[in-house]
């Protein structure tokens, strides 16, 4: 699901807090569905806010802790076809490296591996620096 817009956050600390505050949703992993929701539900063409780095971006950050139960390849391609960059953040041992690479369009700088949720806050600076 779409949890927040990058443009709602004016600095890296605010973005890190927003990501850390996303609540865990139990159940199956439907990453392809989440990518489609990001592409179709977000207002990607809104005018940028001056001096706010995140509002200048057309980027989706996908955080997952498991292998997707649906197709990721086509929704990830649809994001790229719409000039939307995607970042894959995998947490824990059950993630699928191929899926994260597919989400990121093969850009290794857009893929992050985090051993567990306890390490997420520590890794947020790296992720924020990559996105902005």
N, C-alpha and C. Protein backbone atom coordinates (compact mmCIF):
# COMPACT_ATOMS: atom_id res chain seq x y z
N UNK A 1 0.84 -1.18 0.00
CA UNK A 1 0.00 0.00 0.00
C UNK A 1 0.88 1.25 0.00
N UNK A 2 0.33 2.35 -0.43
CA UNK A 2 1.05 3.62 -0.41
C UNK A 2 0.92 4.18 1.00
N UNK A 3 2.05 4.34 1.68
CA UNK A 3 2.05 4.77 3.07
C UNK A 3 2.22 6.28 3.22
N UNK A 4 3.02 6.90 2.34
CA UNK A 4 3.22 8.35 2.39
C UNK A 4 3.88 8.80 1.10
N UNK A 5 3.83 10.11 0.86
CA UNK A 5 4.47 10.70 -0.32
C UNK A 5 5.82 11.27 0.09
N UNK A 6 6.82 11.07 -0.75
CA UNK A 6 8.14 11.65 -0.47
C UNK A 6 8.05 13.16 -0.34
N UNK A 7 7.21 13.79 -1.14
CA UNK A 7 7.11 15.25 -1.13
C UNK A 7 6.55 15.79 0.18
N UNK A 8 5.97 14.92 1.00
CA UNK A 8 5.46 15.36 2.30
C UNK A 8 6.58 15.56 3.31
N UNK A 9 7.80 15.21 2.93
CA UNK A 9 8.92 15.27 3.87
C UNK A 9 9.98 16.22 3.32
N UNK A 10 10.33 17.21 4.13
CA UNK A 10 11.21 18.28 3.66
C UNK A 10 12.68 18.03 3.93
N UNK A 11 13.00 16.95 4.63
CA UNK A 11 14.41 16.65 4.89
C UNK A 11 14.58 15.15 5.14
N UNK A 12 15.82 14.73 5.18
CA UNK A 12 16.12 13.30 5.33
C UNK A 12 15.66 12.75 6.66
N UNK A 13 15.75 13.54 7.72
CA UNK A 13 15.32 13.07 9.04
C UNK A 13 13.82 12.79 9.04
N UNK A 14 13.06 13.65 8.40
CA UNK A 14 11.61 13.46 8.32
C UNK A 14 11.27 12.20 7.52
N UNK A 15 12.00 11.99 6.41
CA UNK A 15 11.79 10.79 5.61
C UNK A 15 12.13 9.54 6.42
N UNK A 16 13.24 9.56 7.12
CA UNK A 16 13.64 8.41 7.93
C UNK A 16 12.59 8.10 8.98
N UNK A 17 12.06 9.12 9.62
CA UNK A 17 11.01 8.93 10.63
C UNK A 17 9.77 8.32 10.00
N UNK A 18 9.39 8.80 8.83
CA UNK A 18 8.20 8.27 8.16
C UNK A 18 8.36 6.80 7.83
N UNK A 19 9.53 6.42 7.32
CA UNK A 19 9.76 5.01 7.00
C UNK A 19 9.75 4.17 8.26
N UNK A 20 10.38 4.66 9.31
CA UNK A 20 10.40 3.91 10.57
C UNK A 20 9.02 3.77 11.19
N UNK A 21 8.10 4.69 10.88
CA UNK A 21 6.76 4.65 11.46
C UNK A 21 5.76 3.82 10.66
N UNK A 22 6.18 3.29 9.52
CA UNK A 22 5.28 2.44 8.75
C UNK A 22 5.04 1.17 9.55
N UNK A 23 3.78 0.84 9.74
CA UNK A 23 3.46 -0.34 10.55
C UNK A 23 3.54 -1.61 9.70
N UNK A 24 3.96 -2.67 10.35
CA UNK A 24 4.08 -3.97 9.70
C UNK A 24 2.69 -4.51 9.39
N UNK A 25 2.51 -4.99 8.18
CA UNK A 25 1.24 -5.58 7.78
C UNK A 25 1.46 -7.07 7.58
N UNK A 26 0.84 -7.86 8.41
CA UNK A 26 0.99 -9.31 8.27
C UNK A 26 0.20 -9.80 7.07
N UNK A 27 0.50 -11.01 6.67
CA UNK A 27 -0.18 -11.58 5.52
C UNK A 27 0.81 -11.81 4.40
N UNK A 28 0.31 -12.03 3.23
CA UNK A 28 1.16 -12.31 2.09
C UNK A 28 1.84 -11.05 1.56
N UNK A 29 2.89 -11.27 0.79
CA UNK A 29 3.63 -10.18 0.18
C UNK A 29 3.18 -10.04 -1.27
N UNK A 30 2.65 -8.89 -1.63
CA UNK A 30 2.17 -8.62 -2.98
C UNK A 30 2.89 -7.38 -3.52
N UNK A 31 4.17 -7.53 -3.78
CA UNK A 31 5.00 -6.39 -4.19
C UNK A 31 4.56 -5.82 -5.53
N UNK A 32 4.22 -6.67 -6.47
CA UNK A 32 3.75 -6.18 -7.77
C UNK A 32 2.52 -5.31 -7.63
N UNK A 33 1.60 -5.75 -6.79
CA UNK A 33 0.39 -4.97 -6.53
C UNK A 33 0.73 -3.62 -5.89
N UNK A 34 1.70 -3.61 -4.98
CA UNK A 34 2.13 -2.36 -4.34
C UNK A 34 2.76 -1.42 -5.37
N UNK A 35 3.55 -1.96 -6.29
CA UNK A 35 4.16 -1.12 -7.33
C UNK A 35 3.09 -0.51 -8.22
N UNK A 36 2.08 -1.31 -8.58
CA UNK A 36 0.97 -0.78 -9.38
C UNK A 36 0.23 0.32 -8.63
N UNK A 37 0.01 0.12 -7.32
CA UNK A 37 -0.67 1.13 -6.51
C UNK A 37 0.14 2.41 -6.47
N UNK A 38 1.45 2.29 -6.31
CA UNK A 38 2.31 3.48 -6.28
C UNK A 38 2.21 4.24 -7.60
N UNK A 39 2.21 3.51 -8.69
CA UNK A 39 2.16 4.16 -10.01
C UNK A 39 0.81 4.81 -10.27
N UNK A 40 -0.27 4.17 -9.85
CA UNK A 40 -1.60 4.68 -10.21
C UNK A 40 -2.22 5.61 -9.17
N UNK A 41 -1.81 5.50 -7.91
CA UNK A 41 -2.46 6.28 -6.85
C UNK A 41 -1.73 7.57 -6.51
N UNK A 42 -0.49 7.69 -6.89
CA UNK A 42 0.28 8.88 -6.54
C UNK A 42 0.12 9.95 -7.62
N UNK A 43 0.18 11.20 -7.20
CA UNK A 43 0.13 12.33 -8.13
C UNK A 43 1.55 12.67 -8.53
N UNK A 44 2.09 11.91 -9.49
CA UNK A 44 3.49 12.03 -9.87
C UNK A 44 3.81 13.33 -10.57
N UNK A 45 2.83 13.99 -11.11
CA UNK A 45 3.10 15.19 -11.91
C UNK A 45 2.80 16.48 -11.16
N UNK A 46 2.68 16.41 -9.83
CA UNK A 46 2.44 17.64 -9.07
C UNK A 46 3.67 18.54 -9.17
N UNK A 47 3.47 19.86 -9.12
CA UNK A 47 4.62 20.76 -9.23
C UNK A 47 5.54 20.62 -8.03
N UNK A 48 6.85 20.70 -8.25
CA UNK A 48 7.79 20.57 -7.14
C UNK A 48 7.74 21.77 -6.20
N UNK A 49 8.08 21.51 -4.96
CA UNK A 49 8.17 22.56 -3.95
C UNK A 49 9.62 23.05 -3.96
N UNK A 50 9.86 24.35 -4.13
CA UNK A 50 11.25 24.85 -4.18
C UNK A 50 12.03 24.48 -2.92
N UNK A 51 13.28 24.11 -3.13
CA UNK A 51 14.21 23.78 -2.05
C UNK A 51 13.83 22.54 -1.25
N UNK A 52 12.95 21.73 -1.77
CA UNK A 52 12.60 20.48 -1.09
C UNK A 52 13.00 19.35 -2.02
N UNK A 53 14.11 18.73 -1.70
CA UNK A 53 14.70 17.71 -2.57
C UNK A 53 13.70 16.63 -2.94
N UNK A 54 12.99 16.08 -1.94
CA UNK A 54 12.12 14.94 -2.20
C UNK A 54 10.96 15.29 -3.12
N UNK A 55 10.55 16.55 -3.17
CA UNK A 55 9.43 16.90 -4.04
C UNK A 55 9.86 16.97 -5.50
N UNK A 56 11.16 17.00 -5.74
CA UNK A 56 11.66 17.04 -7.11
C UNK A 56 11.78 15.66 -7.72
N UNK A 57 11.61 14.66 -6.88
CA UNK A 57 11.83 13.29 -7.30
C UNK A 57 10.56 12.62 -7.80
N UNK A 58 10.77 11.69 -8.67
CA UNK A 58 9.72 10.77 -9.05
C UNK A 58 10.28 9.41 -8.67
N UNK A 59 10.11 9.05 -7.40
CA UNK A 59 10.72 7.83 -6.88
C UNK A 59 9.78 7.11 -5.94
N UNK A 60 9.87 5.80 -5.98
CA UNK A 60 9.11 4.94 -5.06
C UNK A 60 10.11 4.12 -4.26
N UNK A 61 9.92 4.07 -2.95
CA UNK A 61 10.75 3.24 -2.09
C UNK A 61 9.90 2.05 -1.66
N UNK A 62 10.33 0.86 -2.04
CA UNK A 62 9.60 -0.36 -1.74
C UNK A 62 10.33 -1.10 -0.63
N UNK A 63 9.66 -1.27 0.51
CA UNK A 63 10.24 -1.97 1.65
C UNK A 63 9.52 -3.31 1.77
N UNK A 64 10.29 -4.40 1.76
CA UNK A 64 9.69 -5.73 1.84
C UNK A 64 10.53 -6.65 2.70
N UNK A 65 9.87 -7.63 3.29
CA UNK A 65 10.61 -8.62 4.08
C UNK A 65 10.35 -10.04 3.58
N UNK A 66 9.81 -10.15 2.38
CA UNK A 66 9.55 -11.49 1.86
C UNK A 66 9.49 -11.52 0.36
N UNK A 67 9.46 -12.72 -0.17
CA UNK A 67 9.33 -12.92 -1.61
C UNK A 67 7.88 -12.63 -2.00
N UNK A 68 7.72 -11.94 -3.10
CA UNK A 68 6.39 -11.57 -3.53
C UNK A 68 5.60 -12.78 -4.02
N UNK A 69 4.31 -12.75 -3.74
CA UNK A 69 3.43 -13.80 -4.23
C UNK A 69 2.84 -13.46 -5.59
N UNK A 70 3.21 -12.32 -6.14
CA UNK A 70 2.73 -11.93 -7.46
C UNK A 70 3.90 -11.47 -8.33
N UNK A 71 3.59 -11.13 -9.57
CA UNK A 71 4.61 -10.73 -10.53
C UNK A 71 5.11 -9.32 -10.22
N UNK A 72 6.42 -9.17 -10.17
CA UNK A 72 7.05 -7.88 -9.89
C UNK A 72 7.59 -7.24 -11.17
N UNK A 73 7.96 -8.06 -12.13
CA UNK A 73 8.65 -7.59 -13.33
C UNK A 73 7.84 -6.55 -14.11
N UNK A 74 6.59 -6.85 -14.45
CA UNK A 74 5.80 -5.92 -15.25
C UNK A 74 5.46 -4.62 -14.51
N UNK A 75 5.03 -4.68 -13.24
CA UNK A 75 4.77 -3.42 -12.52
C UNK A 75 6.03 -2.57 -12.35
N UNK A 76 7.19 -3.20 -12.13
CA UNK A 76 8.44 -2.44 -12.00
C UNK A 76 8.78 -1.76 -13.32
N UNK A 77 8.58 -2.47 -14.42
CA UNK A 77 8.82 -1.89 -15.74
C UNK A 77 7.86 -0.73 -16.01
N UNK A 78 6.61 -0.88 -15.58
CA UNK A 78 5.63 0.20 -15.77
C UNK A 78 6.04 1.47 -15.03
N UNK A 79 6.62 1.32 -13.84
CA UNK A 79 7.15 2.50 -13.12
C UNK A 79 8.23 3.17 -13.95
N UNK A 80 9.19 2.38 -14.41
CA UNK A 80 10.30 2.94 -15.20
C UNK A 80 9.79 3.58 -16.49
N UNK A 81 8.79 2.95 -17.12
CA UNK A 81 8.22 3.50 -18.35
C UNK A 81 7.55 4.85 -18.10
N UNK A 82 7.18 5.11 -16.85
CA UNK A 82 6.58 6.39 -16.46
C UNK A 82 7.59 7.32 -15.80
N UNK A 83 8.88 7.03 -16.02
CA UNK A 83 9.98 7.85 -15.48
C UNK A 83 9.97 7.95 -13.96
N UNK A 84 9.58 6.86 -13.30
CA UNK A 84 9.57 6.80 -11.84
C UNK A 84 10.68 5.85 -11.41
N UNK A 85 11.64 6.35 -10.66
CA UNK A 85 12.71 5.51 -10.14
C UNK A 85 12.18 4.71 -8.97
N UNK A 86 12.68 3.50 -8.81
CA UNK A 86 12.26 2.66 -7.69
C UNK A 86 13.48 2.18 -6.92
N UNK A 87 13.32 2.14 -5.62
CA UNK A 87 14.36 1.67 -4.69
C UNK A 87 13.80 0.47 -3.96
N UNK A 88 14.57 -0.61 -3.91
CA UNK A 88 14.15 -1.81 -3.20
C UNK A 88 14.90 -1.95 -1.89
N UNK A 89 14.16 -2.06 -0.80
CA UNK A 89 14.75 -2.23 0.52
C UNK A 89 14.27 -3.58 1.05
N UNK A 90 15.19 -4.53 1.16
CA UNK A 90 14.85 -5.86 1.66
C UNK A 90 15.29 -6.01 3.10
N UNK A 91 14.37 -6.48 3.94
CA UNK A 91 14.67 -6.63 5.36
C UNK A 91 14.54 -8.09 5.75
N UNK A 92 15.61 -8.64 6.34
CA UNK A 92 15.56 -10.00 6.85
C UNK A 92 16.02 -11.05 5.86
N UNK A 93 16.01 -12.31 6.29
CA UNK A 93 16.57 -13.40 5.49
C UNK A 93 15.66 -13.92 4.38
N UNK A 94 14.38 -13.57 4.39
CA UNK A 94 13.44 -14.15 3.43
C UNK A 94 13.29 -13.33 2.15
N UNK A 95 14.08 -12.28 1.99
CA UNK A 95 13.94 -11.44 0.80
C UNK A 95 14.53 -12.15 -0.41
N UNK A 96 14.11 -11.71 -1.57
CA UNK A 96 14.57 -12.28 -2.83
C UNK A 96 15.39 -11.22 -3.56
N UNK A 97 16.69 -11.46 -3.69
CA UNK A 97 17.60 -10.49 -4.31
C UNK A 97 17.19 -10.19 -5.75
N UNK A 98 16.73 -11.19 -6.49
CA UNK A 98 16.32 -10.95 -7.87
C UNK A 98 15.14 -9.99 -7.94
N UNK A 99 14.20 -10.12 -7.02
CA UNK A 99 13.05 -9.21 -7.00
C UNK A 99 13.48 -7.78 -6.69
N UNK A 100 14.37 -7.62 -5.71
CA UNK A 100 14.84 -6.28 -5.38
C UNK A 100 15.55 -5.65 -6.57
N UNK A 101 16.35 -6.43 -7.27
CA UNK A 101 17.04 -5.92 -8.47
C UNK A 101 16.04 -5.57 -9.56
N UNK A 102 14.99 -6.37 -9.69
CA UNK A 102 13.95 -6.08 -10.69
C UNK A 102 13.24 -4.78 -10.34
N UNK A 103 12.90 -4.61 -9.07
CA UNK A 103 12.26 -3.36 -8.62
C UNK A 103 13.13 -2.17 -8.98
N UNK A 104 14.42 -2.28 -8.72
CA UNK A 104 15.37 -1.19 -8.94
C UNK A 104 15.83 -1.06 -10.39
N UNK A 105 15.31 -1.87 -11.26
CA UNK A 105 15.69 -1.78 -12.67
C UNK A 105 17.14 -2.14 -12.91
N UNK A 106 17.70 -2.99 -12.05
CA UNK A 106 19.08 -3.42 -12.21
C UNK A 106 20.11 -2.44 -11.67
N UNK A 107 19.67 -1.35 -11.06
CA UNK A 107 20.59 -0.35 -10.51
C UNK A 107 20.97 -0.75 -9.09
N UNK A 108 22.18 -1.25 -8.91
CA UNK A 108 22.63 -1.73 -7.60
C UNK A 108 22.60 -0.63 -6.54
N UNK A 109 22.73 0.61 -6.94
CA UNK A 109 22.66 1.73 -6.00
C UNK A 109 21.26 2.00 -5.47
N UNK A 110 20.28 1.31 -6.05
CA UNK A 110 18.89 1.47 -5.62
C UNK A 110 18.41 0.26 -4.81
N UNK A 111 19.33 -0.62 -4.43
CA UNK A 111 18.98 -1.83 -3.68
C UNK A 111 19.69 -1.81 -2.34
N UNK A 112 18.93 -2.11 -1.29
CA UNK A 112 19.48 -2.12 0.06
C UNK A 112 19.05 -3.40 0.77
N UNK A 113 20.00 -4.01 1.46
CA UNK A 113 19.73 -5.22 2.25
C UNK A 113 19.95 -4.88 3.72
N UNK A 114 18.95 -5.14 4.53
CA UNK A 114 19.02 -4.85 5.96
C UNK A 114 18.72 -6.15 6.70
N UNK A 115 19.58 -6.55 7.64
CA UNK A 115 19.41 -7.87 8.27
C UNK A 115 18.12 -8.04 9.06
N UNK A 116 17.63 -6.98 9.70
CA UNK A 116 16.39 -7.09 10.47
C UNK A 116 15.83 -5.69 10.72
N UNK A 117 14.59 -5.65 11.22
CA UNK A 117 13.93 -4.36 11.43
C UNK A 117 14.65 -3.49 12.45
N UNK A 118 15.35 -4.10 13.38
CA UNK A 118 16.09 -3.32 14.37
C UNK A 118 17.18 -2.46 13.73
N UNK A 119 17.67 -2.86 12.57
CA UNK A 119 18.75 -2.13 11.88
C UNK A 119 18.22 -1.09 10.90
N UNK A 120 16.90 -1.05 10.69
CA UNK A 120 16.33 -0.16 9.69
C UNK A 120 16.65 1.30 9.97
N UNK A 121 16.45 1.74 11.18
CA UNK A 121 16.70 3.15 11.50
C UNK A 121 18.15 3.54 11.22
N UNK A 122 19.08 2.66 11.56
CA UNK A 122 20.50 2.93 11.33
C UNK A 122 20.81 3.06 9.84
N UNK A 123 20.13 2.29 9.01
CA UNK A 123 20.39 2.28 7.57
C UNK A 123 19.67 3.40 6.82
N UNK A 124 18.77 4.10 7.49
CA UNK A 124 17.98 5.11 6.81
C UNK A 124 18.82 6.23 6.20
N UNK A 125 19.92 6.58 6.81
CA UNK A 125 20.75 7.65 6.24
C UNK A 125 21.29 7.24 4.88
N UNK A 126 21.73 6.00 4.74
CA UNK A 126 22.23 5.52 3.44
C UNK A 126 21.12 5.57 2.40
N UNK A 127 19.93 5.11 2.79
CA UNK A 127 18.81 5.10 1.85
C UNK A 127 18.44 6.53 1.47
N UNK A 128 18.33 7.41 2.44
CA UNK A 128 17.98 8.81 2.17
C UNK A 128 19.02 9.47 1.27
N UNK A 129 20.29 9.20 1.51
CA UNK A 129 21.34 9.78 0.67
C UNK A 129 21.25 9.29 -0.76
N UNK A 130 20.87 8.05 -0.94
CA UNK A 130 20.74 7.50 -2.28
C UNK A 130 19.55 8.11 -3.02
N UNK A 131 18.45 8.29 -2.31
CA UNK A 131 17.24 8.82 -2.92
C UNK A 131 17.40 10.30 -3.24
N UNK A 132 18.08 11.03 -2.37
CA UNK A 132 18.19 12.49 -2.56
C UNK A 132 19.65 12.91 -2.47
